[in-house]
PDB file of N, CA and C in Angstrom:
ATOM      1  N   GLU A   1     100.906  32.699-123.404  1.00  0.00           N
ATOM      2  CA  GLU A   1     102.106  31.674-123.206  1.00  0.00           C
ATOM      3  C   GLU A   1     102.023  31.281-121.825  1.00  0.00           C
ATOM      4  N   PRO A   2     101.942  30.103-121.523  1.00  0.00           N
ATOM      5  CA  PRO A   2     102.114  29.704-120.097  1.00  0.00           C
ATOM      6  C   PRO A   2     103.541  30.128-119.518  1.00  0.00           C
ATOM      7  N   ALA A   3     103.443  30.238-118.258  1.00  0.00           N
ATOM      8  CA  ALA A   3     104.611  30.353-117.466  1.00  0.00           C
ATOM      9  C   ALA A   3     105.563  29.346-117.468  1.00  0.00           C
ATOM     10  N   PRO A   4     106.927  29.436-117.333  1.00  0.00           N
ATOM     11  CA  PRO A   4     107.675  28.373-117.267  1.00  0.00           C
ATOM     12  C   PRO A   4     107.468  27.699-115.811  1.00  0.00           C
ATOM     13  N   SER A   5     107.804  26.273-115.906  1.00  0.00           N
ATOM     14  CA  SER A   5     107.715  25.673-114.591  1.00  0.00           C
ATOM     15  C   SER A   5     109.063  24.632-114.393  1.00  0.00           C
ATOM     16  N   ASN A   6     109.402  24.703-113.054  1.00  0.00           N
ATOM     17  CA  ASN A   6     110.598  23.972-112.836  1.00  0.00           C
ATOM     18  C   ASN A   6     110.209  22.634-112.150  1.00  0.00           C
ATOM     19  N   VAL A   7     108.836  22.391-112.185  1.00  0.00           N
ATOM     20  CA  VAL A   7     108.479  20.998-111.563  1.00  0.00           C
ATOM     21  C   VAL A   7     108.338  20.205-112.842  1.00  0.00           C
ATOM     22  N   GLN A   8     109.244  19.463-112.939  1.00  0.00           N
ATOM     23  CA  GLN A   8     109.483  18.436-114.160  1.00  0.00           C
ATOM     24  C   GLN A   8     108.208  17.545-114.418  1.00  0.00           C
ATOM     25  N   GLY A   9     107.430  17.260-113.356  1.00  0.00           N
ATOM     26  CA  GLY A   9     106.245  16.498-113.482  1.00  0.00           C
ATOM     27  C   GLY A   9     105.132  16.952-114.087  1.00  0.00           C
ATOM     28  N   ASN A  10     105.178  18.238-114.331  1.00  0.00           N
ATOM     29  CA  ASN A  10     104.129  18.942-114.861  1.00  0.00           C
ATOM     30  C   ASN A  10     104.166  19.148-116.409  1.00  0.00           C
ATOM     31  N   VAL A  11     105.280  18.582-117.072  1.00  0.00           N
ATOM     32  CA  VAL A  11     105.447  18.679-118.459  1.00  0.00           C
ATOM     33  C   VAL A  11     104.457  17.981-119.144  1.00  0.00           C
ATOM     34  N   ARG A  12     103.786  18.650-120.410  1.00  0.00           N
ATOM     35  CA  ARG A  12     102.964  17.991-121.080  1.00  0.00           C
ATOM     36  C   ARG A  12     103.080  18.078-122.544  1.00  0.00           C
ATOM     37  N   VAL A  13     102.746  17.140-123.511  1.00  0.00           N
ATOM     38  CA  VAL A  13     102.865  17.461-124.764  1.00  0.00           C
ATOM     39  C   VAL A  13     101.406  17.438-125.271  1.00  0.00           C
ATOM     40  N   VAL A  14     101.131  18.574-126.128  1.00  0.00           N
ATOM     41  CA  VAL A  14      99.734  18.789-126.551  1.00  0.00           C
ATOM     42  C   VAL A  14      99.760  19.093-128.130  1.00  0.00           C
ATOM     43  N   PRO A  15      98.953  18.504-128.862  1.00  0.00           N
ATOM     44  CA  PRO A  15      98.140  17.347-128.603  1.00  0.00           C
ATOM     45  C   PRO A  15      98.679  16.086-128.410  1.00  0.00           C
ATOM     46  N   ASN A  16      98.054  15.189-127.570  1.00  0.00           N
ATOM     47  CA  ASN A  16      98.605  13.933-127.432  1.00  0.00           C
ATOM     48  C   ASN A  16      97.471  12.822-127.463  1.00  0.00           C
ATOM     49  N   PRO A  17      97.179  11.990-128.452  1.00  0.00           N
ATOM     50  CA  PRO A  17      98.179  11.790-129.601  1.00  0.00           C
ATOM     51  C   PRO A  17      98.058  12.703-130.654  1.00  0.00           C
ATOM     52  N   PHE A  18      99.297  13.153-131.188  1.00  0.00           N
ATOM     53  CA  PHE A  18      99.281  14.055-132.475  1.00  0.00           C
ATOM     54  C   PHE A  18      98.823  13.535-133.697  1.00  0.00           C
ATOM     55  N   ARG A  19      97.646  14.060-134.417  1.00  0.00           N
ATOM     56  CA  ARG A  19      97.166  13.544-135.445  1.00  0.00           C
ATOM     57  C   ARG A  19      97.837  14.035-137.005  1.00  0.00           C
ATOM     58  N   GLN A  20      98.935  14.478-136.825  1.00  0.00           N
ATOM     59  CA  GLN A  20      99.672  14.980-138.078  1.00  0.00           C
ATOM     60  C   GLN A  20      99.000  16.238-138.653  1.00  0.00           C
ATOM     61  N   VAL A  21      97.853  16.528-138.288  1.00  0.00           N
ATOM     62  CA  VAL A  21      97.193  17.811-138.527  1.00  0.00           C
ATOM     63  C   VAL A  21      96.445  18.181-137.024  1.00  0.00           C
ATOM     64  N   SER A  22      97.104  19.167-136.429  1.00  0.00           N
ATOM     65  CA  SER A  22      96.772  19.286-135.018  1.00  0.00           C
ATOM     66  C   SER A  22      95.334  19.780-134.680  1.00  0.00           C
ATOM     67  N   GLY A  23      94.673  20.517-135.606  1.00  0.00           N
ATOM     68  CA  GLY A  23      93.476  20.822-135.202  1.00  0.00           C
ATOM     69  C   GLY A  23      93.439  22.455-134.843  1.00  0.00           C
ATOM     70  N   PHE A  24      94.542  23.116-134.514  1.00  0.00           N
ATOM     71  CA  PHE A  24      94.712  24.372-134.417  1.00  0.00           C
ATOM     72  C   PHE A  24      93.819  25.196-135.357  1.00  0.00           C
ATOM     73  N   PRO A  25      93.360  26.421-134.815  1.00  0.00           N
ATOM     74  CA  PRO A  25      92.386  27.084-135.918  1.00  0.00           C
ATOM     75  C   PRO A  25      93.054  27.690-136.969  1.00  0.00           C
ATOM     76  N   ASP A  26      94.288  28.095-136.771  1.00  0.00           N
ATOM     77  CA  ASP A  26      95.206  28.668-137.818  1.00  0.00           C
ATOM     78  C   ASP A  26      95.632  27.809-138.836  1.00  0.00           C
ATOM     79  N   PRO A  27      95.349  27.743-140.125  1.00  0.00           N
ATOM     80  CA  PRO A  27      95.813  26.630-140.989  1.00  0.00           C
ATOM     81  C   PRO A  27      97.292  26.558-140.879  1.00  0.00           C
ATOM     82  N   ALA A  28      98.027  27.519-140.742  1.00  0.00           N
ATOM     83  CA  ALA A  28      99.539  27.703-140.723  1.00  0.00           C
ATOM     84  C   ALA A  28     100.198  26.816-139.476  1.00  0.00           C
ATOM     85  N   GLU A  29      99.158  26.614-138.517  1.00  0.00           N
ATOM     86  CA  GLU A  29      99.737  25.845-137.306  1.00  0.00           C
ATOM     87  C   GLU A  29      99.085  24.491-137.245  1.00  0.00           C
ATOM     88  N   ASN A  30      98.716  23.962-138.505  1.00  0.00           N
ATOM     89  CA  ASN A  30      98.136  22.657-138.590  1.00  0.00           C
ATOM     90  C   ASN A  30      99.162  21.480-137.937  1.00  0.00           C
ATOM     91  N   LYS A  31     100.230  21.732-138.180  1.00  0.00           N
ATOM     92  CA  LYS A  31     101.360  20.645-137.830  1.00  0.00           C
ATOM     93  C   LYS A  31     102.007  20.979-136.424  1.00  0.00           C
ATOM     94  N   ARG A  32     101.481  21.712-135.574  1.00  0.00           N
ATOM     95  CA  ARG A  32     102.129  22.266-134.340  1.00  0.00           C
ATOM     96  C   ARG A  32     101.879  21.256-133.234  1.00  0.00           C
ATOM     97  N   LEU A  33     103.065  20.918-132.655  1.00  0.00           N
ATOM     98  CA  LEU A  33     103.053  19.919-131.497  1.00  0.00           C
ATOM     99  C   LEU A  33     103.834  20.730-130.387  1.00  0.00           C
ATOM    100  N   ALA A  34     103.322  20.890-129.316  1.00  0.00           N
ATOM    101  CA  ALA A  34     104.083  21.605-128.192  1.00  0.00           C
ATOM    102  C   ALA A  34     104.196  21.086-127.059  1.00  0.00           C
ATOM    103  N   PHE A  35     105.361  21.155-126.329  1.00  0.00           N
ATOM    104  CA  PHE A  35     105.736  20.915-124.988  1.00  0.00           C
ATOM    105  C   PHE A  35     105.401  22.165-124.061  1.00  0.00           C
ATOM    106  N   VAL A  36     104.464  21.882-123.065  1.00  0.00           N
ATOM    107  CA  VAL A  36     104.040  23.059-122.136  1.00  0.00           C
ATOM    108  C   VAL A  36     104.531  22.658-120.771  1.00  0.00           C
ATOM    109  N   ASN A  37     104.607  23.742-119.832  1.00  0.00           N
ATOM    110  CA  ASN A  37     104.943  23.622-118.638  1.00  0.00           C
ATOM    111  C   ASN A  37     106.446  23.279-118.433  1.00  0.00           C
ATOM    112  N   ILE A  38     107.246  23.734-119.428  1.00  0.00           N
ATOM    113  CA  ILE A  38     108.718  23.406-119.369  1.00  0.00           C
ATOM    114  C   ILE A  38     109.565  24.503-118.516  1.00  0.00           C
ATOM    115  N   PRO A  39     110.700  24.051-118.233  1.00  0.00           N
ATOM    116  CA  PRO A  39     111.509  25.189-117.666  1.00  0.00           C
ATOM    117  C   PRO A  39     111.834  26.325-118.712  1.00  0.00           C
ATOM    118  N   GLY A  40     112.218  27.557-118.111  1.00  0.00           N
ATOM    119  CA  GLY A  40     112.380  28.734-119.198  1.00  0.00           C
ATOM    120  C   GLY A  40     113.614  28.504-119.934  1.00  0.00           C
ATOM    121  N   SER A  41     114.578  27.637-119.595  1.00  0.00           N
ATOM    122  CA  SER A  41     115.669  27.357-120.234  1.00  0.00           C
ATOM    123  C   SER A  41     116.010  25.825-120.434  1.00  0.00           C
ATOM    124  N   CYS A  42     115.785  25.190-121.357  1.00  0.00           N
ATOM    125  CA  CYS A  42     115.904  23.617-121.415  1.00  0.00           C
ATOM    126  C   CYS A  42     116.574  23.057-122.594  1.00  0.00           C
ATOM    127  N   THR A  43     116.860  21.801-122.634  1.00  0.00           N
ATOM    128  CA  THR A  43     117.070  21.090-124.040  1.00  0.00           C
ATOM    129  C   THR A  43     115.969  19.965-123.996  1.00  0.00           C
ATOM    130  N   ILE A  44     115.428  19.939-125.032  1.00  0.00           N
ATOM    131  CA  ILE A  44     114.479  18.800-125.319  1.00  0.00           C
ATOM    132  C   ILE A  44     114.883  17.791-126.387  1.00  0.00           C
ATOM    133  N   ARG A  45     114.994  16.559-126.064  1.00  0.00           N
ATOM    134  CA  ARG A  45     115.380  15.782-127.091  1.00  0.00           C
ATOM    135  C   ARG A  45     114.281  14.604-127.373  1.00  0.00           C
ATOM    136  N   ILE A  46     114.099  14.317-128.663  1.00  0.00           N
ATOM    137  CA  ILE A  46     113.035  13.428-128.972  1.00  0.00           C
ATOM    138  C   ILE A  46     113.667  12.177-129.590  1.00  0.00           C
ATOM    139  N   TYR A  47     113.156  11.096-129.098  1.00  0.00           N
ATOM    140  CA  TYR A  47     113.758   9.812-129.556  1.00  0.00           C
ATOM    141  C   TYR A  47     112.828   8.858-130.034  1.00  0.00           C
ATOM    142  N   THR A  48     113.060   8.013-130.915  1.00  0.00           N
ATOM    143  CA  THR A  48     112.072   6.804-131.374  1.00  0.00           C
ATOM    144  C   THR A  48     112.195   5.775-130.219  1.00  0.00           C
ATOM    145  N   LEU A  49     111.301   4.674-130.164  1.00  0.00           N
ATOM    146  CA  LEU A  49     111.356   3.758-129.259  1.00  0.00           C
ATOM    147  C   LEU A  49     112.466   2.999-129.303  1.00  0.00           C
ATOM    148  N   ALA A  50     113.316   2.869-130.328  1.00  0.00           N
ATOM    149  CA  ALA A  50     114.622   2.231-130.486  1.00  0.00           C
ATOM    150  C   ALA A  50     115.690   3.406-129.911  1.00  0.00           C
ATOM    151  N   LEU A  51     115.359   4.287-129.328  1.00  0.00           N
ATOM    152  CA  LEU A  51     116.422   5.425-128.841  1.00  0.00           C
ATOM    153  C   LEU A  51     117.154   6.134-129.912  1.00  0.00           C
ATOM    154  N   ASP A  52     116.625   6.054-131.131  1.00  0.00           N
ATOM    155  CA  ASP A  52     117.358   6.811-132.131  1.00  0.00           C
ATOM    156  C   ASP A  52     116.982   8.305-131.918  1.00  0.00           C
ATOM    157  N   LEU A  53     117.915   9.059-131.877  1.00  0.00           N
ATOM    158  CA  LEU A  53     117.659  10.723-131.719  1.00  0.00           C
ATOM    159  C   LEU A  53     117.000  11.215-132.964  1.00  0.00           C
ATOM    160  N   VAL A  54     115.830  11.864-132.770  1.00  0.00           N
ATOM    161  CA  VAL A  54     114.917  12.318-133.939  1.00  0.00           C
ATOM    162  C   VAL A  54     115.264  13.857-134.016  1.00  0.00           C
ATOM    163  N   ARG A  55     115.203  14.585-132.812  1.00  0.00           N
ATOM    164  CA  ARG A  55     115.308  15.998-133.060  1.00  0.00           C
ATOM    165  C   ARG A  55     115.774  16.612-131.598  1.00  0.00           C
ATOM    166  N   THR A  56     116.665  17.599-131.685  1.00  0.00           N
ATOM    167  CA  THR A  56     116.961  18.312-130.344  1.00  0.00           C
ATOM    168  C   THR A  56     116.514  19.693-130.659  1.00  0.00           C
ATOM    169  N   LEU A  57     115.789  20.238-129.464  1.00  0.00           N
ATOM    170  CA  LEU A  57     115.202  21.576-129.529  1.00  0.00           C
ATOM    171  C   LEU A  57     115.724  22.255-128.243  1.00  0.00           C
ATOM    172  N   GLU A  58     116.402  23.284-128.479  1.00  0.00           N
ATOM    173  CA  GLU A  58     117.126  24.245-127.462  1.00  0.00           C
ATOM    174  C   GLU A  58     116.036  25.303-127.157  1.00  0.00           C
ATOM    175  N   HIS A  59     115.467  25.369-125.903  1.00  0.00           N
ATOM    176  CA  HIS A  59     114.402  26.333-125.457  1.00  0.00           C
ATOM    177  C   HIS A  59     115.077  27.273-124.604  1.00  0.00           C
ATOM    178  N   THR A  60     115.249  28.693-125.129  1.00  0.00           N
ATOM    179  CA  THR A  60     115.853  29.704-124.304  1.00  0.00           C
ATOM    180  C   THR A  60     115.071  30.883-124.141  1.00  0.00           C
ATOM    181  N   GLY A  61     113.859  30.752-124.462  1.00  0.00           N
ATOM    182  CA  GLY A  61     112.891  31.935-124.675  1.00  0.00           C
ATOM    183  C   GLY A  61     112.451  32.387-123.378  1.00  0.00           C
ATOM    184  N   GLY A  62     112.526  31.546-122.110  1.00  0.00           N
ATOM    185  CA  GLY A  62     112.170  31.969-120.941  1.00  0.00           C
ATOM    186  C   GLY A  62     110.722  31.614-120.528  1.00  0.00           C
ATOM    187  N   GLY A  63     109.913  31.458-121.583  1.00  0.00           N
ATOM    188  CA  GLY A  63     108.508  31.084-121.401  1.00  0.00           C
ATOM    189  C   GLY A  63     108.332  29.488-121.147  1.00  0.00           C
ATOM    190  N   GLY A  64     107.097  28.993-120.902  1.00  0.00           N
ATOM    191  CA  GLY A  64     106.771  27.704-120.498  1.00  0.00           C
ATOM    192  C   GLY A  64     106.395  26.934-121.692  1.00  0.00           C
ATOM    193  N   ILE A  65     106.488  27.158-123.025  1.00  0.00           N
ATOM    194  CA  ILE A  65     106.122  26.460-124.163  1.00  0.00           C
ATOM    195  C   ILE A  65     107.276  26.303-125.216  1.00  0.00           C
ATOM    196  N   GLN A  66     107.288  25.363-125.985  1.00  0.00           N
ATOM    197  CA  GLN A  66     108.177  25.105-126.947  1.00  0.00           C
ATOM    198  C   GLN A  66     107.613  24.292-127.924  1.00  0.00           C
ATOM    199  N   THR A  67     107.242  24.744-129.305  1.00  0.00           N
ATOM    200  CA  THR A  67     106.764  24.057-130.322  1.00  0.00           C
ATOM    201  C   THR A  67     107.982  23.263-130.937  1.00  0.00           C
ATOM    202  N   TRP A  68     107.406  22.212-131.629  1.00  0.00           N
ATOM    203  CA  TRP A  68     108.353  21.460-132.647  1.00  0.00           C
ATOM    204  C   TRP A  68     108.223  21.951-133.958  1.00  0.00           C
ATOM    205  N   GLY A  69     109.180  22.878-134.354  1.00  0.00           N
ATOM    206  CA  GLY A  69     109.163  23.543-135.614  1.00  0.00           C
ATOM    207  C   GLY A  69     108.475  24.953-135.642  1.00  0.00           C
ATOM    208  N   SER A  70     108.450  25.533-136.736  1.00  0.00           N
ATOM    209  CA  SER A  70     107.776  26.923-136.744  1.00  0.00           C
ATOM    210  C   SER A  70     107.480  27.139-138.029  1.00  0.00           C
ATOM    211  N   GLN A  71     106.528  28.047-138.335  1.00  0.00           N
ATOM    212  CA  GLN A  71     105.984  28.346-139.539  1.00  0.00           C
ATOM    213  C   GLN A  71     107.002  29.342-140.257  1.00  0.00           C
ATOM    214  N   ALA A  72     107.734  30.042-139.605  1.00  0.00           N
ATOM    215  CA  ALA A  72     108.833  30.854-140.284  1.00  0.00           C
ATOM    216  C   ALA A  72     109.859  30.080-140.779  1.00  0.00           C
ATOM    217  N   GLY A  73     110.250  28.971-139.812  1.00  0.00           N
ATOM    218  CA  GLY A  73     111.464  28.123-140.289  1.00  0.00           C
ATOM    219  C   GLY A  73     110.802  26.988-141.298  1.00  0.00           C
ATOM    220  N   GLN A  74     109.703  26.943-141.406  1.00  0.00           N
ATOM    221  CA  GLN A  74     109.063  25.748-142.425  1.00  0.00           C
ATOM    222  C   GLN A  74     109.613  24.354-142.150  1.00  0.00           C
ATOM    223  N   ASN A  75     109.811  24.267-140.773  1.00  0.00           N
ATOM    224  CA  ASN A  75     110.310  22.896-140.487  1.00  0.00           C
ATOM    225  C   ASN A  75     109.559  21.948-139.458  1.00  0.00           C
ATOM    226  N   TYR A  76     108.134  22.339-139.526  1.00  0.00           N
ATOM    227  CA  TYR A  76     107.187  21.579-138.656  1.00  0.00           C
ATOM    228  C   TYR A  76     107.442  20.010-138.731  1.00  0.00           C
ATOM    229  N   MET A  77     107.698  19.471-137.600  1.00  0.00           N
ATOM    230  CA  MET A  77     107.791  17.954-137.428  1.00  0.00           C
ATOM    231  C   MET A  77     108.793  17.303-138.479  1.00  0.00           C
ATOM    232  N   LEU A  78     109.779  18.001-138.570  1.00  0.00           N
ATOM    233  CA  LEU A  78     111.016  17.431-139.149  1.00  0.00           C
ATOM    234  C   LEU A  78     112.191  16.960-138.333  1.00  0.00           C
ATOM    235  N   THR A  79     112.888  15.923-138.718  1.00  0.00           N
ATOM    236  CA  THR A  79     113.970  15.551-137.769  1.00  0.00           C
ATOM    237  C   THR A  79     115.176  16.517-138.101  1.00  0.00           C
ATOM    238  N   ASP A  80     116.161  16.314-137.178  1.00  0.00           N
ATOM    239  CA  ASP A  80     117.304  17.031-137.412  1.00  0.00           C
ATOM    240  C   ASP A  80     118.081  16.657-138.777  1.00  0.00           C
ATOM    241  N   PHE A  81     117.687  15.809-139.445  1.00  0.00           N
ATOM    242  CA  PHE A  81     118.019  15.548-140.890  1.00  0.00           C
ATOM    243  C   PHE A  81     117.226  15.929-142.058  1.00  0.00           C
ATOM    244  N   ALA A  82     116.225  16.724-141.571  1.00  0.00           N
ATOM    245  CA  ALA A  82     115.196  17.313-142.451  1.00  0.00           C
ATOM    246  C   ALA A  82     114.410  16.452-143.010  1.00  0.00           C
ATOM    247  N   GLN A  83     113.983  15.320-142.323  1.00  0.00           N
ATOM    248  CA  GLN A  83     113.023  14.220-142.984  1.00  0.00           C
ATOM    249  C   GLN A  83     111.882  14.358-142.174  1.00  0.00           C
ATOM    250  N   ASN A  84     110.713  14.029-142.851  1.00  0.00           N
ATOM    251  CA  ASN A  84     109.334  13.983-142.211  1.00  0.00           C
ATOM    252  C   ASN A  84     109.284  12.946-141.004  1.00  0.00           C
ATOM    253  N   VAL A  85     108.595  13.307-140.085  1.00  0.00           N
ATOM    254  CA  VAL A  85     108.552  12.342-138.987  1.00  0.00           C
ATOM    255  C   VAL A  85     107.382  11.275-139.214  1.00  0.00           C
ATOM    256  N   GLN A  86     107.598  10.075-138.926  1.00  0.00           N
ATOM    257  CA  GLN A  86     106.669   8.931-139.170  1.00  0.00           C
ATOM    258  C   GLN A  86     105.699   8.815-138.073  1.00  0.00           C
ATOM    259  N   PRO A  87     104.492   8.233-138.273  1.00  0.00           N
ATOM    260  CA  PRO A  87     103.621   7.889-137.113  1.00  0.00           C
ATOM    261  C   PRO A  87     104.361   6.873-136.247  1.00  0.00           C
ATOM    262  N   GLY A  88     104.006   6.926-134.927  1.00  0.00           N
ATOM    263  CA  GLY A  88     104.701   6.214-134.111  1.00  0.00           C
ATOM    264  C   GLY A  88     104.797   6.609-132.636  1.00  0.00           C
ATOM    265  N   ILE A  89     105.270   5.952-131.713  1.00  0.00           N
ATOM    266  CA  ILE A  89     105.471   6.346-130.312  1.00  0.00           C
ATOM    267  C   ILE A  89     106.826   6.912-130.250  1.00  0.00           C
ATOM    268  N   TYR A  90     106.935   8.226-129.512  1.00  0.00           N
ATOM    269  CA  TYR A  90     108.245   8.845-129.369  1.00  0.00           C
ATOM    270  C   TYR A  90     108.303   9.243-127.882  1.00  0.00           C
ATOM    271  N   ILE A  91     109.597   9.092-127.513  1.00  0.00           N
ATOM    272  CA  ILE A  91     109.996   9.461-126.126  1.00  0.00           C
ATOM    273  C   ILE A  91     110.726  10.859-126.259  1.00  0.00           C
ATOM    274  N   TYR A  92     110.329  11.473-125.113  1.00  0.00           N
ATOM    275  CA  TYR A  92     111.008  12.981-124.985  1.00  0.00           C
ATOM    276  C   TYR A  92     111.850  12.970-123.517  1.00  0.00           C
ATOM    277  N   HIS A  93     112.915  13.723-123.737  1.00  0.00           N
ATOM    278  CA  HIS A  93     113.679  13.912-122.575  1.00  0.00           C
ATOM    279  C   HIS A  93     113.973  15.277-122.467  1.00  0.00           C
ATOM    280  N   ILE A  94     113.614  15.964-121.243  1.00  0.00           N
ATOM    281  CA  ILE A  94     113.903  17.438-121.027  1.00  0.00           C
ATOM    282  C   ILE A  94     114.949  17.537-119.911  1.00  0.00           C
ATOM    283  N   GLU A  95     115.739  18.281-120.236  1.00  0.00           N
ATOM    284  CA  GLU A  95     116.964  18.713-119.264  1.00  0.00           C
ATOM    285  C   GLU A  95     116.840  20.150-118.904  1.00  0.00           C
ATOM    286  N   SER A  96     116.780  20.521-117.716  1.00  0.00           N
ATOM    287  CA  SER A  96     116.687  21.796-117.410  1.00  0.00           C
ATOM    288  C   SER A  96     118.082  22.668-117.252  1.00  0.00           C
ATOM    289  N   HIS A  97     117.983  23.874-117.684  1.00  0.00           N
ATOM    290  CA  HIS A  97     119.303  24.626-117.617  1.00  0.00           C
ATOM    291  C   HIS A  97     118.990  25.856-116.671  1.00  0.00           C
ATOM    292  N   VAL A  98     117.919  25.968-115.945  1.00  0.00           N
ATOM    293  CA  VAL A  98     117.519  27.114-115.044  1.00  0.00           C
ATOM    294  C   VAL A  98     118.409  26.994-113.788  1.00  0.00           C
ATOM    295  N   ALA A  99     118.972  27.968-113.349  1.00  0.00           N
ATOM    296  CA  ALA A  99     119.789  28.116-112.151  1.00  0.00           C
ATOM    297  C   ALA A  99     119.227  27.549-110.985  1.00  0.00           C
ATOM    298  N   GLY A 100     119.944  26.667-110.292  1.00  0.00           N
ATOM    299  CA  GLY A 100     119.321  26.040-109.097  1.00  0.00           C
ATOM    300  C   GLY A 100     118.538  24.854-109.455  1.00  0.00           C
ATOM    301  N   HIS A 101     118.208  24.689-110.735  1.00  0.00           N
ATOM    302  CA  HIS A 101     117.628  23.294-111.194  1.00  0.00           C
ATOM    303  C   HIS A 101     118.369  22.644-112.443  1.00  0.00           C
ATOM    304  N   GLU A 102     119.741  23.039-112.564  1.00  0.00           N
ATOM    305  CA  GLU A 102     120.400  22.452-113.630  1.00  0.00           C
ATOM    306  C   GLU A 102     120.538  21.070-113.592  1.00  0.00           C
ATOM    307  N   GLY A 103     120.275  20.296-114.609  1.00  0.00           N
ATOM    308  CA  GLY A 103     120.551  18.898-114.810  1.00  0.00           C
ATOM    309  C   GLY A 103     119.056  18.032-114.135  1.00  0.00           C
ATOM    310  N   GLU A 104     118.239  18.698-113.706  1.00  0.00           N
ATOM    311  CA  GLU A 104     116.841  18.100-113.450  1.00  0.00           C
ATOM    312  C   GLU A 104     116.140  17.695-114.786  1.00  0.00           C
ATOM    313  N   THR A 105     115.726  16.613-114.822  1.00  0.00           N
ATOM    314  CA  THR A 105     115.179  15.978-116.131  1.00  0.00           C
ATOM    315  C   THR A 105     113.723  15.482-115.924  1.00  0.00           C
ATOM    316  N   SER A 106     113.046  15.304-117.035  1.00  0.00           N
ATOM    317  CA  SER A 106     111.857  14.573-117.110  1.00  0.00           C
ATOM    318  C   SER A 106     111.731  13.858-118.439  1.00  0.00           C
ATOM    319  N   VAL A 107     111.087  12.728-118.318  1.00  0.00           N
ATOM    320  CA  VAL A 107     110.941  11.845-119.577  1.00  0.00           C
ATOM    321  C   VAL A 107     109.592  11.412-119.817  1.00  0.00           C
ATOM    322  N   GLY A 108     109.080  11.292-120.941  1.00  0.00           N
ATOM    323  CA  GLY A 108     107.664  11.175-121.106  1.00  0.00           C
ATOM    324  C   GLY A 108     107.600  10.488-122.563  1.00  0.00           C
ATOM    325  N   LYS A 109     106.373  10.203-122.834  1.00  0.00           N
ATOM    326  CA  LYS A 109     106.002   9.663-124.273  1.00  0.00           C
ATOM    327  C   LYS A 109     104.875  10.456-124.938  1.00  0.00           C
ATOM    328  N   PHE A 110     104.782  10.403-126.304  1.00  0.00           N
ATOM    329  CA  PHE A 110     103.810  10.854-126.913  1.00  0.00           C
ATOM    330  C   PHE A 110     103.547  10.027-128.192  1.00  0.00           C
ATOM    331  N   ALA A 111     102.436  10.343-128.911  1.00  0.00           N
ATOM    332  CA  ALA A 111     102.194   9.463-129.975  1.00  0.00           C
ATOM    333  C   ALA A 111     101.858  10.237-131.326  1.00  0.00           C
ATOM    334  N   ILE A 112     102.305   9.918-132.491  1.00  0.00           N
ATOM    335  CA  ILE A 112     101.948  10.331-133.659  1.00  0.00           C
ATOM    336  C   ILE A 112     101.103   9.516-134.582  1.00  0.00           C
ATOM    337  N   ILE A 113     100.009   9.854-134.916  1.00  0.00           N
ATOM    338  CA  ILE A 113      99.232   9.114-135.599  1.00  0.00           C
ATOM    339  C   ILE A 113      98.674   9.635-137.067  1.00  0.00           C
ATOM    340  N   LYS A 114      98.419   8.779-137.980  1.00  0.00           N
ATOM    341  CA  LYS A 114      97.872   9.472-139.393  1.00  0.00           C
ATOM    342  C   LYS A 114      96.507   9.985-139.077  1.00  0.00           C
TER     343      LYS A 114
END
């Protein structure tokens, strides 16, 4: 697992573009999209281009990676309303909760394709 980063410009979404089957070798991880180089404690919000909130992820694990969904939760690539995510361009907003970096944010985009 990558170490957390408080440099908001280092945040990456992988894979990008996301092909709705990620290509990770473990079949259980086929639908895994990950945010890497993130602060150890942060909130990740995912929006459509129309700025409709799709998903809110609370990262409290202390590491530098957060996936969208999990095998255990069986909620890969689902919205907050348990709907499947559609192909398109999405915007993410990450807000840090790390002491000394509270309120620092980063914004970026990623694509989901069939």
